[in-house]
Amino acid sequence: MEAVLDDNRLKESIETDVLKPTDATQADAWQKKTAKCRRILLEGMRDHIVSSLHGKSTPYLMWK
């Protein structure tokens, strides 16, 4: 799964907790990147683990 995240340039999202920027343009890009990373993580997890990840606010917290 790390390879997929790396291929999509999203690996940094699981290595550090990237906070949402205050600038609107950067915040929009951050939101899209975060949503894509969360989707990849959820698709790669087994069903019994997915329910415990939905409450996590960032990909970093999901991975941790």
N, C-alpha and C. Protein backbone atom coordinates (compact mmCIF):
# COMPACT_ATOMS: atom_id res chain seq x y z
N MET A 1 0.82 -1.18 0.00
CA MET A 1 0.00 0.00 0.00
C MET A 1 0.87 1.26 0.00
N GLU A 2 2.01 1.18 0.66
CA GLU A 2 2.91 2.33 0.67
C GLU A 2 3.38 2.67 -0.75
N ALA A 3 3.56 1.65 -1.58
CA ALA A 3 3.99 1.88 -2.96
C ALA A 3 2.92 2.64 -3.73
N VAL A 4 1.66 2.30 -3.52
CA VAL A 4 0.57 3.00 -4.19
C VAL A 4 0.52 4.45 -3.74
N LEU A 5 0.68 4.68 -2.46
CA LEU A 5 0.70 6.06 -1.96
C LEU A 5 1.90 6.82 -2.51
N ASP A 6 3.03 6.16 -2.59
CA ASP A 6 4.23 6.80 -3.13
C ASP A 6 4.04 7.12 -4.61
N ASP A 7 3.45 6.22 -5.37
CA ASP A 7 3.18 6.45 -6.79
C ASP A 7 2.26 7.65 -7.01
N ASN A 8 1.36 7.88 -6.07
CA ASN A 8 0.42 9.00 -6.17
C ASN A 8 0.91 10.25 -5.43
N ARG A 9 2.16 10.22 -5.01
CA ARG A 9 2.78 11.33 -4.27
C ARG A 9 2.00 11.68 -3.01
N LEU A 10 1.57 10.65 -2.30
CA LEU A 10 0.77 10.84 -1.10
C LEU A 10 1.44 10.26 0.15
N LYS A 11 2.62 9.71 0.00
CA LYS A 11 3.26 9.04 1.13
C LYS A 11 3.52 9.98 2.30
N GLU A 12 3.78 11.25 2.02
CA GLU A 12 4.02 12.21 3.09
C GLU A 12 2.80 12.36 4.00
N SER A 13 1.61 12.06 3.48
CA SER A 13 0.38 12.19 4.26
C SER A 13 0.28 11.15 5.37
N ILE A 14 1.00 10.04 5.23
CA ILE A 14 0.98 9.03 6.30
C ILE A 14 2.22 9.12 7.19
N GLU A 15 3.22 9.86 6.74
CA GLU A 15 4.45 9.99 7.51
C GLU A 15 4.41 11.14 8.51
N THR A 16 3.67 12.19 8.18
CA THR A 16 3.52 13.34 9.08
C THR A 16 2.08 13.81 9.03
N ASP A 17 1.64 14.43 10.11
CA ASP A 17 0.27 14.94 10.17
C ASP A 17 0.26 16.32 9.52
N VAL A 18 -0.14 16.36 8.25
CA VAL A 18 -0.16 17.60 7.49
C VAL A 18 -1.42 18.38 7.85
N LEU A 19 -1.24 19.56 8.42
CA LEU A 19 -2.38 20.37 8.83
C LEU A 19 -2.99 21.11 7.65
N LYS A 20 -4.27 21.40 7.74
CA LYS A 20 -4.98 22.10 6.68
C LYS A 20 -4.47 23.55 6.59
N PRO A 21 -4.05 23.98 5.41
CA PRO A 21 -3.58 25.35 5.24
C PRO A 21 -4.71 26.37 5.41
N THR A 22 -4.35 27.60 5.74
CA THR A 22 -5.36 28.65 5.91
C THR A 22 -5.72 29.32 4.59
N ASP A 23 -4.82 29.30 3.63
CA ASP A 23 -5.08 29.87 2.30
C ASP A 23 -6.12 29.00 1.58
N ALA A 24 -7.14 29.63 1.01
CA ALA A 24 -8.24 28.90 0.39
C ALA A 24 -7.79 28.01 -0.77
N THR A 25 -6.90 28.50 -1.60
CA THR A 25 -6.42 27.71 -2.74
C THR A 25 -5.65 26.49 -2.27
N GLN A 26 -4.78 26.69 -1.31
CA GLN A 26 -3.99 25.58 -0.77
C GLN A 26 -4.88 24.62 0.02
N ALA A 27 -5.89 25.15 0.70
CA ALA A 27 -6.81 24.30 1.47
C ALA A 27 -7.59 23.37 0.55
N ASP A 28 -7.99 23.87 -0.62
CA ASP A 28 -8.72 23.05 -1.59
C ASP A 28 -7.84 21.91 -2.09
N ALA A 29 -6.59 22.21 -2.42
CA ALA A 29 -5.66 21.18 -2.87
C ALA A 29 -5.39 20.18 -1.76
N TRP A 30 -5.25 20.66 -0.53
CA TRP A 30 -5.02 19.79 0.63
C TRP A 30 -6.21 18.85 0.81
N GLN A 31 -7.43 19.38 0.68
CA GLN A 31 -8.63 18.57 0.85
C GLN A 31 -8.70 17.45 -0.18
N LYS A 32 -8.40 17.76 -1.43
CA LYS A 32 -8.42 16.75 -2.49
C LYS A 32 -7.36 15.68 -2.25
N LYS A 33 -6.18 16.11 -1.85
CA LYS A 33 -5.08 15.17 -1.59
C LYS A 33 -5.41 14.27 -0.39
N THR A 34 -5.97 14.87 0.65
CA THR A 34 -6.35 14.11 1.84
C THR A 34 -7.44 13.10 1.52
N ALA A 35 -8.44 13.51 0.76
CA ALA A 35 -9.53 12.61 0.39
C ALA A 35 -9.03 11.43 -0.44
N LYS A 36 -8.13 11.71 -1.37
CA LYS A 36 -7.57 10.64 -2.20
C LYS A 36 -6.77 9.66 -1.36
N CYS A 37 -5.98 10.18 -0.44
CA CYS A 37 -5.17 9.32 0.43
C CYS A 37 -6.06 8.47 1.33
N ARG A 38 -7.09 9.08 1.91
CA ARG A 38 -8.02 8.32 2.77
C ARG A 38 -8.69 7.21 1.97
N ARG A 39 -9.10 7.52 0.73
CA ARG A 39 -9.76 6.53 -0.12
C ARG A 39 -8.83 5.35 -0.41
N ILE A 40 -7.57 5.65 -0.71
CA ILE A 40 -6.60 4.58 -0.98
C ILE A 40 -6.40 3.72 0.26
N LEU A 41 -6.28 4.36 1.41
CA LEU A 41 -6.10 3.60 2.66
C LEU A 41 -7.30 2.71 2.95
N LEU A 42 -8.50 3.25 2.80
CA LEU A 42 -9.70 2.47 3.09
C LEU A 42 -9.88 1.31 2.12
N GLU A 43 -9.54 1.52 0.86
CA GLU A 43 -9.67 0.45 -0.13
C GLU A 43 -8.67 -0.67 0.12
N GLY A 44 -7.55 -0.35 0.74
CA GLY A 44 -6.52 -1.35 0.97
C GLY A 44 -6.64 -2.10 2.29
N MET A 45 -7.57 -1.70 3.13
CA MET A 45 -7.73 -2.34 4.44
C MET A 45 -8.78 -3.44 4.39
N ARG A 46 -8.63 -4.36 5.28
CA ARG A 46 -9.63 -5.43 5.41
C ARG A 46 -10.90 -4.85 6.04
N ASP A 47 -12.01 -5.47 5.73
CA ASP A 47 -13.32 -4.95 6.15
C ASP A 47 -13.44 -4.75 7.65
N HIS A 48 -12.90 -5.64 8.45
CA HIS A 48 -13.06 -5.52 9.90
C HIS A 48 -12.25 -4.36 10.49
N ILE A 49 -11.31 -3.83 9.74
CA ILE A 49 -10.49 -2.71 10.21
C ILE A 49 -11.09 -1.37 9.75
N VAL A 50 -11.78 -1.37 8.63
CA VAL A 50 -12.30 -0.13 8.04
C VAL A 50 -13.17 0.65 9.02
N SER A 51 -14.02 -0.01 9.76
CA SER A 51 -14.94 0.70 10.67
C SER A 51 -14.19 1.48 11.74
N SER A 52 -13.03 1.02 12.15
CA SER A 52 -12.27 1.75 13.17
C SER A 52 -11.50 2.93 12.58
N LEU A 53 -11.39 3.01 11.27
CA LEU A 53 -10.65 4.10 10.63
C LEU A 53 -11.52 5.28 10.23
N HIS A 54 -12.81 5.09 10.10
CA HIS A 54 -13.69 6.15 9.62
C HIS A 54 -13.68 7.39 10.53
N GLY A 55 -13.46 7.25 11.80
CA GLY A 55 -13.47 8.39 12.70
C GLY A 55 -12.19 9.20 12.71
N LYS A 56 -11.16 8.71 12.07
CA LYS A 56 -9.86 9.39 12.06
C LYS A 56 -9.92 10.57 11.10
N SER A 57 -9.39 11.72 11.52
CA SER A 57 -9.54 12.94 10.73
C SER A 57 -8.50 13.12 9.63
N THR A 58 -7.36 12.44 9.74
CA THR A 58 -6.32 12.59 8.72
C THR A 58 -5.75 11.23 8.33
N PRO A 59 -5.18 11.13 7.15
CA PRO A 59 -4.54 9.86 6.74
C PRO A 59 -3.43 9.44 7.71
N TYR A 60 -2.72 10.40 8.27
CA TYR A 60 -1.67 10.08 9.23
C TYR A 60 -2.24 9.32 10.42
N LEU A 61 -3.35 9.81 10.96
CA LEU A 61 -3.98 9.14 12.11
C LEU A 61 -4.53 7.77 11.72
N MET A 62 -5.02 7.66 10.50
CA MET A 62 -5.51 6.36 10.03
C MET A 62 -4.37 5.36 9.96
N TRP A 63 -3.24 5.79 9.44
CA TRP A 63 -2.08 4.90 9.27
C TRP A 63 -1.47 4.54 10.61
N LYS A 64 -1.41 5.51 11.49
CA LYS A 64 -0.80 5.31 12.81
C LYS A 64 -1.60 4.28 13.57
